[in-house]
């Protein structure tokens, strides 16, 4: 199972499956971290768990935008590859005060796709490195729902990226003509 590349994976493995990967991460070429579902049942819990697991800097802002900013540059980890395992993913956001765990998954997937787009757009920033997110669950119904949500988020972020490219191209053309 090749986990190393800039992407999002879905898995239905028992939690213990990743123990070997995490144990082997002391090879210093891959930083594995596991976000535990029981610690991520609220947005606040998720942000605390990911901040601790990825050793976010003290200026981390405890919101979705700050999460995106920190994930776009993980150089402080000192490893060429980072794999983030969202274990027991079906438990994430289930006790969130605002309810609507499905909406929280949408936001999370959008953030992840925006981050991956930045990693792909600016490979020199993370030269020779890769970032992978693995949503792991043993609940097949949840996994199917998450894959549907994933497809929608992937498409939405792709459209947003294309719009941004078009705006930048238009702006560049305008600046070129005004000189």
Protein backbone atom coordinates (compact mmCIF):
# COMPACT_ATOMS: atom_id res chain seq x y z
CA UNK A 1 0.00 0.00 0.00
CA UNK A 2 1.70 3.17 -1.21
CA UNK A 3 0.68 6.02 1.06
CA UNK A 4 3.30 8.56 0.00
CA UNK A 5 2.05 11.24 -2.38
CA UNK A 6 -0.02 14.41 -2.11
CA UNK A 7 -3.50 13.04 -1.76
CA UNK A 8 -6.38 11.87 0.38
CA UNK A 9 -6.87 8.14 0.93
CA UNK A 10 -9.73 6.17 2.44
CA UNK A 11 -9.14 3.01 4.40
CA UNK A 12 -11.12 0.35 6.24
CA UNK A 13 -8.32 -1.13 8.32
CA UNK A 14 -8.33 -1.93 12.02
CA UNK A 15 -6.54 0.78 13.98
CA UNK A 16 -3.69 -1.61 14.76
CA UNK A 17 -2.88 -1.86 11.03
CA UNK A 18 -1.12 1.51 11.15
CA UNK A 19 0.92 0.69 14.24
CA UNK A 20 3.73 -0.79 12.12
CA UNK A 21 3.84 2.31 9.92
CA UNK A 22 3.95 4.58 12.93
CA UNK A 23 6.58 2.43 14.63
CA UNK A 24 8.75 2.49 11.50
CA UNK A 25 8.46 6.26 11.23
CA UNK A 26 11.56 6.57 13.36
CA UNK A 27 13.47 6.10 10.10
CA UNK A 28 13.30 9.93 9.92
CA UNK A 29 12.04 10.04 6.33
CA UNK A 30 8.33 9.91 7.14
CA UNK A 31 6.41 11.62 9.89
CA UNK A 32 3.32 9.60 10.78
CA UNK A 33 0.70 10.92 13.11
CA UNK A 34 -2.58 9.41 14.17
CA UNK A 35 -5.53 11.58 15.10
CA UNK A 36 -7.74 9.55 17.43
CA UNK A 37 -11.46 9.69 16.81
CA UNK A 38 -12.33 9.75 20.50
CA UNK A 39 -10.26 12.95 20.85
CA UNK A 40 -11.79 14.59 17.77
CA UNK A 41 -15.51 14.45 18.51
CA UNK A 42 -15.70 18.26 18.43
CA UNK A 43 -13.97 20.82 16.24
CA UNK A 44 -12.08 22.08 19.30
CA UNK A 45 -10.94 18.54 20.14
CA UNK A 46 -9.86 17.94 16.54
CA UNK A 47 -7.83 21.16 16.43
CA UNK A 48 -6.17 20.27 19.75
CA UNK A 49 -5.36 16.76 18.55
CA UNK A 50 -3.90 17.82 15.19
CA UNK A 51 -1.98 20.71 16.75
CA UNK A 52 -0.32 18.38 19.25
CA UNK A 53 0.29 15.58 16.73
CA UNK A 54 1.92 17.89 14.18
CA UNK A 55 3.67 20.10 16.73
CA UNK A 56 2.05 23.28 15.42
CA UNK A 57 3.82 26.52 16.30
CA UNK A 58 2.58 28.54 19.28
CA UNK A 59 0.95 31.09 16.97
CA UNK A 60 -1.59 28.53 15.70
CA UNK A 61 -4.95 30.35 15.62
CA UNK A 62 -7.33 27.50 16.52
CA UNK A 63 -9.61 27.83 13.47
CA UNK A 64 -9.96 26.36 9.97
CA UNK A 65 -7.91 29.11 8.27
CA UNK A 66 -5.08 28.69 10.77
CA UNK A 67 -5.20 24.93 10.21
CA UNK A 68 -4.83 25.45 6.47
CA UNK A 69 -1.92 27.86 7.00
CA UNK A 70 -0.02 25.45 9.25
CA UNK A 71 -0.64 22.45 6.98
CA UNK A 72 0.67 24.36 3.97
CA UNK A 73 4.15 24.45 5.52
CA UNK A 74 5.25 21.57 7.73
CA UNK A 75 8.98 22.22 7.45
CA UNK A 76 9.39 22.27 11.26
CA UNK A 77 8.73 18.51 11.26
CA UNK A 78 12.01 17.96 9.42
CA UNK A 79 10.74 14.96 7.42
CA UNK A 80 10.31 14.70 3.66
CA UNK A 81 7.00 12.86 3.97
CA UNK A 82 4.06 13.44 6.30
CA UNK A 83 1.15 11.04 6.68
CA UNK A 84 -1.81 12.07 8.80
CA UNK A 85 -4.10 9.19 9.76
CA UNK A 86 -7.58 10.20 10.85
CA UNK A 87 -8.33 7.03 12.78
CA UNK A 88 -11.92 6.16 13.67
CA UNK A 89 -12.91 8.93 11.28
CA UNK A 90 -16.58 8.13 11.79
CA UNK A 91 -16.28 9.50 15.36
CA UNK A 92 -14.94 12.91 14.28
CA UNK A 93 -17.27 15.83 15.05
CA UNK A 94 -20.07 13.61 16.41
CA UNK A 95 -20.41 15.65 19.61
CA UNK A 96 -19.80 19.05 18.09
CA UNK A 97 -21.88 21.74 19.76
CA UNK A 98 -23.03 23.18 16.46
CA UNK A 99 -24.22 19.78 15.28
CA UNK A 100 -24.07 18.95 11.60
CA UNK A 101 -21.00 16.67 11.60
CA UNK A 102 -21.46 16.25 7.85
CA UNK A 103 -20.80 19.97 7.36
CA UNK A 104 -17.65 19.69 9.49
CA UNK A 105 -16.39 16.88 7.23
CA UNK A 106 -17.07 19.08 4.19
CA UNK A 107 -15.08 21.93 5.70
CA UNK A 108 -12.24 19.58 6.67
CA UNK A 109 -12.06 18.02 3.21
CA UNK A 110 -12.12 21.45 1.59
CA UNK A 111 -9.24 22.55 3.81
CA UNK A 112 -7.29 19.40 2.96
CA UNK A 113 -7.83 19.87 -0.79
CA UNK A 114 -6.83 23.54 -0.58
CA UNK A 115 -3.66 22.51 1.25
CA UNK A 116 -2.85 19.79 -1.28
CA UNK A 117 -3.43 22.25 -4.13
CA UNK A 118 -0.85 24.57 -2.53
CA UNK A 119 1.61 21.70 -2.13
CA UNK A 120 1.15 20.88 -5.82
CA UNK A 121 1.23 24.52 -6.92
CA UNK A 122 4.39 25.41 -5.01
CA UNK A 123 6.48 22.24 -4.89
CA UNK A 124 9.64 24.27 -4.22
CA UNK A 125 8.17 25.36 -0.86
CA UNK A 126 8.05 21.72 0.23
CA UNK A 127 10.78 20.47 -2.12
CA UNK A 128 10.88 16.72 -2.38
CA UNK A 129 8.21 16.28 0.24
CA UNK A 130 4.75 14.81 0.26
CA UNK A 131 1.61 15.05 2.32
CA UNK A 132 -1.05 12.35 2.63
CA UNK A 133 -4.28 12.26 4.62
CA UNK A 134 -5.79 8.85 5.40
CA UNK A 135 -9.38 8.67 6.61
CA UNK A 136 -9.63 5.33 8.39
CA UNK A 137 -12.85 3.72 9.63
CA UNK A 138 -14.30 0.25 10.02
CA UNK A 139 -17.80 1.58 9.23
CA UNK A 140 -18.56 0.91 5.53
CA UNK A 141 -21.69 3.11 5.48
CA UNK A 142 -19.76 6.06 6.84
CA UNK A 143 -16.97 5.46 4.33
CA UNK A 144 -19.43 5.53 1.41
CA UNK A 145 -20.99 8.77 2.68
CA UNK A 146 -17.54 10.29 3.15
CA UNK A 147 -16.49 9.34 -0.39
CA UNK A 148 -19.57 11.11 -1.78
CA UNK A 149 -18.75 14.20 0.30
CA UNK A 150 -15.14 13.92 -0.84
CA UNK A 151 -16.10 13.93 -4.52
CA UNK A 152 -18.21 17.07 -4.04
CA UNK A 153 -15.45 18.86 -2.10
CA UNK A 154 -12.77 17.89 -4.60
CA UNK A 155 -14.86 19.29 -7.43
CA UNK A 156 -15.70 22.49 -5.51
CA UNK A 157 -12.04 23.21 -4.70
CA UNK A 158 -11.00 22.43 -8.29
CA UNK A 159 -13.57 24.94 -9.58
CA UNK A 160 -12.37 27.54 -7.06
CA UNK A 161 -8.76 26.96 -8.16
CA UNK A 162 -9.71 27.40 -11.83
CA UNK A 163 -11.55 30.64 -11.00
CA UNK A 164 -8.49 31.89 -9.12
CA UNK A 165 -6.24 31.04 -12.07
CA UNK A 166 -8.57 32.89 -14.45
CA UNK A 167 -8.64 35.97 -12.21
CA UNK A 168 -4.84 35.96 -11.92
CA UNK A 169 -4.45 35.57 -15.68
CA UNK A 170 -6.86 38.46 -16.26
CA UNK A 171 -5.03 40.62 -13.75
CA UNK A 172 -1.65 39.80 -15.30
CA UNK A 173 -2.99 40.67 -18.75
CA UNK A 174 -4.42 43.95 -17.44
CA UNK A 175 -1.11 44.86 -15.81
CA UNK A 176 0.81 43.98 -18.97
CA UNK A 177 -1.48 46.15 -21.12
CA UNK A 178 -1.30 49.08 -18.72
CA UNK A 179 2.50 49.32 -18.98
